[in-house]
Amino acid sequence: DDVRGGVLDKEMCIAARRLEMQFFRKMGVYKKIKRASLPHGAKVITTKWVDTNKGTEAEPNYRSRLVETDERPDLFAATPPLESLRYVLSLCASSQSGPNPHRILTVDVKRAYFYAPAKRPMFIELPVEDRLPGEEDCVAQLNLSLYGTRDAAQNWTREYTRALQAAGFTVGKASPCNFFHKEADMALSVHGDDFTVSGPERSLEWLRDFLKDRWDV
């Protein structure tokens, strides 16, 4: 287990990797090209699998991610301070009077980076799990962001910011991870791919449906 340590079941890891590759194909994360057609000086990034059991031994929940681990400190995405979450919860607790009391909505976007288009030419070694006969000399050009790539988190931030602004939210001034919708009376904070929102139930139901239409949540 690359996250928790310990030993994982081989067959369950294989199944988890196979499921991940199905999402790669479904989402069109990359396209296969011949290595000889790479632009001059292009770097082909190596990848590795990160396998973990997010459940328990009795109730396993295996997850596998194909990642690249090259780090670059000048490319990063903001995360909200803890006070942002405390504010959202406090707002809900103090907005219980009147005809439209606040509730809390939490949304987790599955494989969020796959919804963020790549912003620059990037190439990775073709995963063995997706290499067909005759593709031994192929590499993959990314159409979407891959976990571990330098600017994946930035690309995802652009994606959800555009989506929330299209829904009528205003970006916070203190933190770009905080949003407010004046007409719908909603306050929202984003941490990675997790959204926490306070607002009237009808507004939250509308937002949930809006997000479900865009992403797998």
Protein backbone atom coordinates (compact mmCIF):
# COMPACT_ATOMS: atom_id res chain seq x y z
CA ASP A 1 0.00 0.00 0.00
CA ASP A 2 1.75 3.16 -1.24
CA VAL A 3 -0.26 5.41 1.09
CA ARG A 4 -0.81 3.44 4.28
CA GLY A 5 1.92 0.83 4.10
CA GLY A 6 1.32 -2.89 4.38
CA VAL A 7 0.57 -5.56 1.81
CA LEU A 8 -2.22 -5.42 -0.78
CA ASP A 9 -4.00 -8.19 -2.64
CA LYS A 10 -2.47 -8.52 -6.12
CA GLU A 11 -5.67 -9.39 -7.97
CA MET A 12 -7.58 -6.51 -6.38
CA CYS A 13 -4.79 -4.12 -7.38
CA ILE A 14 -4.95 -5.38 -10.96
CA ALA A 15 -8.72 -4.84 -10.97
CA ALA A 16 -8.31 -1.30 -9.58
CA ARG A 17 -5.73 -0.44 -12.24
CA ARG A 18 -7.96 -1.87 -14.94
CA LEU A 19 -10.84 0.31 -13.72
CA GLU A 20 -8.60 3.37 -13.80
CA MET A 21 -7.56 2.64 -17.39
CA GLN A 22 -11.25 2.37 -18.31
CA PHE A 23 -11.71 5.94 -17.07
CA PHE A 24 -8.63 7.02 -19.05
CA ARG A 25 -10.25 5.74 -22.24
CA LYS A 26 -13.72 7.04 -21.38
CA MET A 27 -12.45 10.53 -20.62
CA GLY A 28 -9.87 10.63 -23.42
CA VAL A 29 -7.08 11.56 -21.00
CA TYR A 30 -4.45 11.12 -23.71
CA LYS A 31 -3.93 10.16 -27.32
CA LYS A 32 -1.31 7.70 -28.52
CA ILE A 33 1.38 8.96 -30.89
CA LYS A 34 4.56 7.50 -32.34
CA ARG A 35 7.72 8.39 -30.44
CA ALA A 36 9.29 9.45 -33.74
CA SER A 37 6.63 12.16 -34.17
CA LEU A 38 7.50 13.93 -30.90
CA PRO A 39 8.39 17.63 -31.26
CA HIS A 40 12.12 18.31 -31.15
CA GLY A 41 13.35 18.46 -27.57
CA ALA A 42 10.10 17.16 -26.08
CA LYS A 43 10.46 15.38 -22.75
CA VAL A 44 8.60 12.12 -22.17
CA ILE A 45 7.66 11.81 -18.51
CA THR A 46 7.76 8.49 -16.71
CA THR A 47 4.86 7.47 -14.50
CA LYS A 48 4.14 5.00 -11.74
CA TRP A 49 1.10 3.46 -10.10
CA VAL A 50 0.04 4.46 -6.60
CA ASP A 51 -2.10 1.68 -5.10
CA THR A 52 -3.98 1.94 -1.83
CA ASN A 53 -6.85 0.40 0.09
CA LYS A 54 -9.04 3.30 1.24
CA GLY A 55 -11.31 0.86 3.08
CA THR A 56 -10.51 -1.89 5.57
CA GLU A 57 -9.42 -5.50 5.25
CA ALA A 58 -12.98 -6.58 5.96
CA GLU A 59 -14.47 -4.03 3.53
CA PRO A 60 -11.72 -3.20 1.01
CA ASN A 61 -11.93 -0.20 -1.32
CA TYR A 62 -8.93 -0.39 -3.62
CA ARG A 63 -7.93 2.71 -5.59
CA SER A 64 -5.11 2.99 -8.12
CA ARG A 65 -3.76 6.20 -9.63
CA LEU A 66 -1.30 6.61 -12.46
CA VAL A 67 0.87 9.54 -11.38
CA GLU A 68 3.95 11.51 -12.31
CA THR A 69 5.99 12.85 -9.43
CA ASP A 70 8.09 15.64 -10.99
CA GLU A 71 7.76 18.67 -8.71
CA ARG A 72 8.08 22.36 -9.55
CA PRO A 73 7.67 24.90 -6.73
CA ASP A 74 6.50 27.80 -8.92
CA LEU A 75 3.39 25.88 -10.02
CA PHE A 76 0.90 25.34 -7.22
CA ALA A 77 -2.77 25.65 -6.37
CA ALA A 78 -4.13 27.41 -3.31
CA THR A 79 -5.94 25.61 -0.52
CA PRO A 80 -8.31 27.42 1.85
CA PRO A 81 -7.34 28.09 5.45
CA LEU A 82 -9.14 26.12 8.15
CA GLU A 83 -11.04 29.31 9.01
CA SER A 84 -12.88 29.01 5.67
CA LEU A 85 -14.50 25.72 6.67
CA ARG A 86 -15.23 27.05 10.14
CA TYR A 87 -16.93 30.07 8.59
CA VAL A 88 -19.15 27.96 6.33
CA LEU A 89 -20.26 25.83 9.29
CA SER A 90 -20.73 28.88 11.52
CA LEU A 91 -22.81 30.59 8.84
CA CYS A 92 -25.06 27.54 8.64
CA ALA A 93 -25.44 27.36 12.43
CA SER A 94 -26.35 31.05 12.68
CA SER A 95 -28.81 30.95 9.75
CA GLN A 96 -31.49 28.71 11.20
CA SER A 97 -34.27 31.28 11.66
CA GLY A 98 -36.62 32.43 8.93
CA PRO A 99 -38.38 30.53 6.15
CA ASN A 100 -35.19 29.25 4.48
CA PRO A 101 -32.80 27.89 7.11
CA HIS A 102 -29.32 26.91 5.92
CA ARG A 103 -28.15 23.34 5.44
CA ILE A 104 -24.71 21.91 4.58
CA LEU A 105 -23.90 20.31 1.23
CA THR A 106 -20.65 18.39 0.67
CA VAL A 107 -19.59 17.33 -2.82
CA ASP A 108 -16.59 15.17 -3.75
CA VAL A 109 -15.62 15.26 -7.44
CA LYS A 110 -14.33 11.89 -8.63
CA ARG A 111 -11.07 11.98 -10.61
CA ALA A 112 -11.28 15.75 -10.70
CA TYR A 113 -8.07 16.32 -12.68
CA PHE A 114 -9.52 14.44 -15.64
CA TYR A 115 -11.92 17.35 -16.12
CA ALA A 116 -9.08 19.87 -16.39
CA PRO A 117 -7.66 20.31 -19.92
CA ALA A 118 -3.87 20.29 -20.25
CA LYS A 119 -2.55 23.78 -20.95
CA ARG A 120 0.77 22.85 -22.53
CA PRO A 121 2.13 19.96 -24.61
CA MET A 122 2.89 17.09 -22.25
CA PHE A 123 3.93 13.53 -23.05
CA ILE A 124 4.11 10.44 -20.84
CA GLU A 125 5.33 6.91 -21.39
CA LEU A 126 2.40 4.78 -22.49
CA PRO A 127 1.21 2.64 -19.55
CA VAL A 128 1.89 -1.06 -20.03
CA GLU A 129 -1.77 -1.72 -19.18
CA ASP A 130 -2.84 0.23 -22.29
CA ARG A 131 -0.16 -0.90 -24.76
CA LEU A 132 -1.55 -3.00 -27.60
CA PRO A 133 0.44 -5.11 -30.07
CA GLY A 134 2.21 -2.79 -32.49
CA GLU A 135 2.27 0.11 -30.00
CA GLU A 136 5.63 -0.73 -28.46
CA ASP A 137 7.10 2.54 -29.80
CA CYS A 138 4.15 4.76 -28.84
CA VAL A 139 3.93 7.44 -26.17
CA ALA A 140 0.89 9.30 -24.83
CA GLN A 141 0.16 13.00 -25.36
CA LEU A 142 -2.02 14.36 -22.56
CA ASN A 143 -5.32 15.98 -23.42
CA LEU A 144 -6.28 16.31 -19.75
CA SER A 145 -4.37 16.75 -16.52
CA LEU A 146 -2.67 13.79 -14.86
CA TYR A 147 -2.16 13.35 -11.14
CA GLY A 148 1.33 14.40 -10.15
CA THR A 149 2.04 16.55 -13.21
CA ARG A 150 3.35 19.98 -12.38
CA ASP A 151 0.33 22.09 -13.24
CA ALA A 152 -2.57 19.61 -12.76
CA ALA A 153 -3.83 21.30 -9.59
CA GLN A 154 -3.65 24.72 -11.24
CA ASN A 155 -5.62 23.45 -14.23
CA TRP A 156 -8.30 21.99 -11.97
CA THR A 157 -8.52 25.29 -10.07
CA ARG A 158 -9.18 27.07 -13.37
CA GLU A 159 -11.83 24.51 -14.26
CA TYR A 160 -13.88 24.72 -11.05
CA THR A 161 -13.51 28.51 -10.86
CA ARG A 162 -14.94 28.87 -14.36
CA ALA A 163 -17.79 26.51 -13.49
CA LEU A 164 -18.72 28.29 -10.26
CA GLN A 165 -18.56 31.71 -11.89
CA ALA A 166 -20.85 30.42 -14.66
CA ALA A 167 -23.25 29.37 -11.89
CA GLY A 168 -23.29 32.92 -10.52
CA PHE A 169 -20.70 32.67 -7.75
CA THR A 170 -18.21 35.44 -6.94
CA VAL A 171 -14.61 34.51 -6.10
CA GLY A 172 -13.49 35.47 -2.61
CA LYS A 173 -10.94 38.25 -2.13
CA ALA A 174 -9.16 36.71 0.86
CA SER A 175 -8.85 33.24 -0.72
CA PRO A 176 -9.52 32.11 -4.33
CA CYS A 177 -10.90 28.87 -2.85
CA ASN A 178 -13.89 30.66 -1.31
CA PHE A 179 -17.02 31.65 -3.22
CA PHE A 180 -20.29 33.42 -2.50
CA HIS A 181 -23.60 33.44 -4.37
CA LYS A 182 -25.57 36.49 -3.29
CA GLU A 183 -28.88 35.72 -5.02
CA ALA A 184 -28.96 32.07 -3.88
CA ASP A 185 -27.53 32.90 -0.42
CA MET A 186 -24.73 30.30 -0.59
CA ALA A 187 -21.19 30.36 0.81
CA LEU A 188 -18.80 27.74 -0.59
CA SER A 189 -15.25 26.62 0.12
CA VAL A 190 -13.20 24.28 -2.09
CA HIS A 191 -10.36 22.12 -0.80
CA GLY A 192 -8.86 20.17 -3.70
CA ASP A 193 -11.82 18.26 -5.12
CA ASP A 194 -14.05 18.64 -2.03
CA PHE A 195 -16.76 21.32 -1.94
CA THR A 196 -18.46 22.42 1.29
CA VAL A 197 -21.44 24.75 0.96
CA SER A 198 -23.87 26.49 3.31
CA GLY A 199 -27.22 27.68 1.96
CA PRO A 200 -30.98 27.12 1.81
CA GLU A 201 -31.96 23.59 0.87
CA ARG A 202 -33.48 24.60 -2.47
CA SER A 203 -30.28 26.44 -3.47
CA LEU A 204 -28.13 23.48 -2.44
CA GLU A 205 -30.26 21.07 -4.46
CA TRP A 206 -29.89 23.33 -7.51
CA LEU A 207 -26.10 23.53 -7.04
CA ARG A 208 -25.81 19.76 -6.56
CA ASP A 209 -27.62 19.17 -9.85
CA PHE A 210 -25.49 21.81 -11.59
CA LEU A 211 -22.27 20.11 -10.48
CA LYS A 212 -23.58 16.62 -11.33
CA ASP A 213 -24.27 17.77 -14.89
CA ARG A 214 -20.62 18.82 -15.28
CA TRP A 215 -18.65 16.23 -13.33
CA ASP A 216 -18.88 12.77 -11.79
CA VAL A 217 -19.57 13.52 -8.12
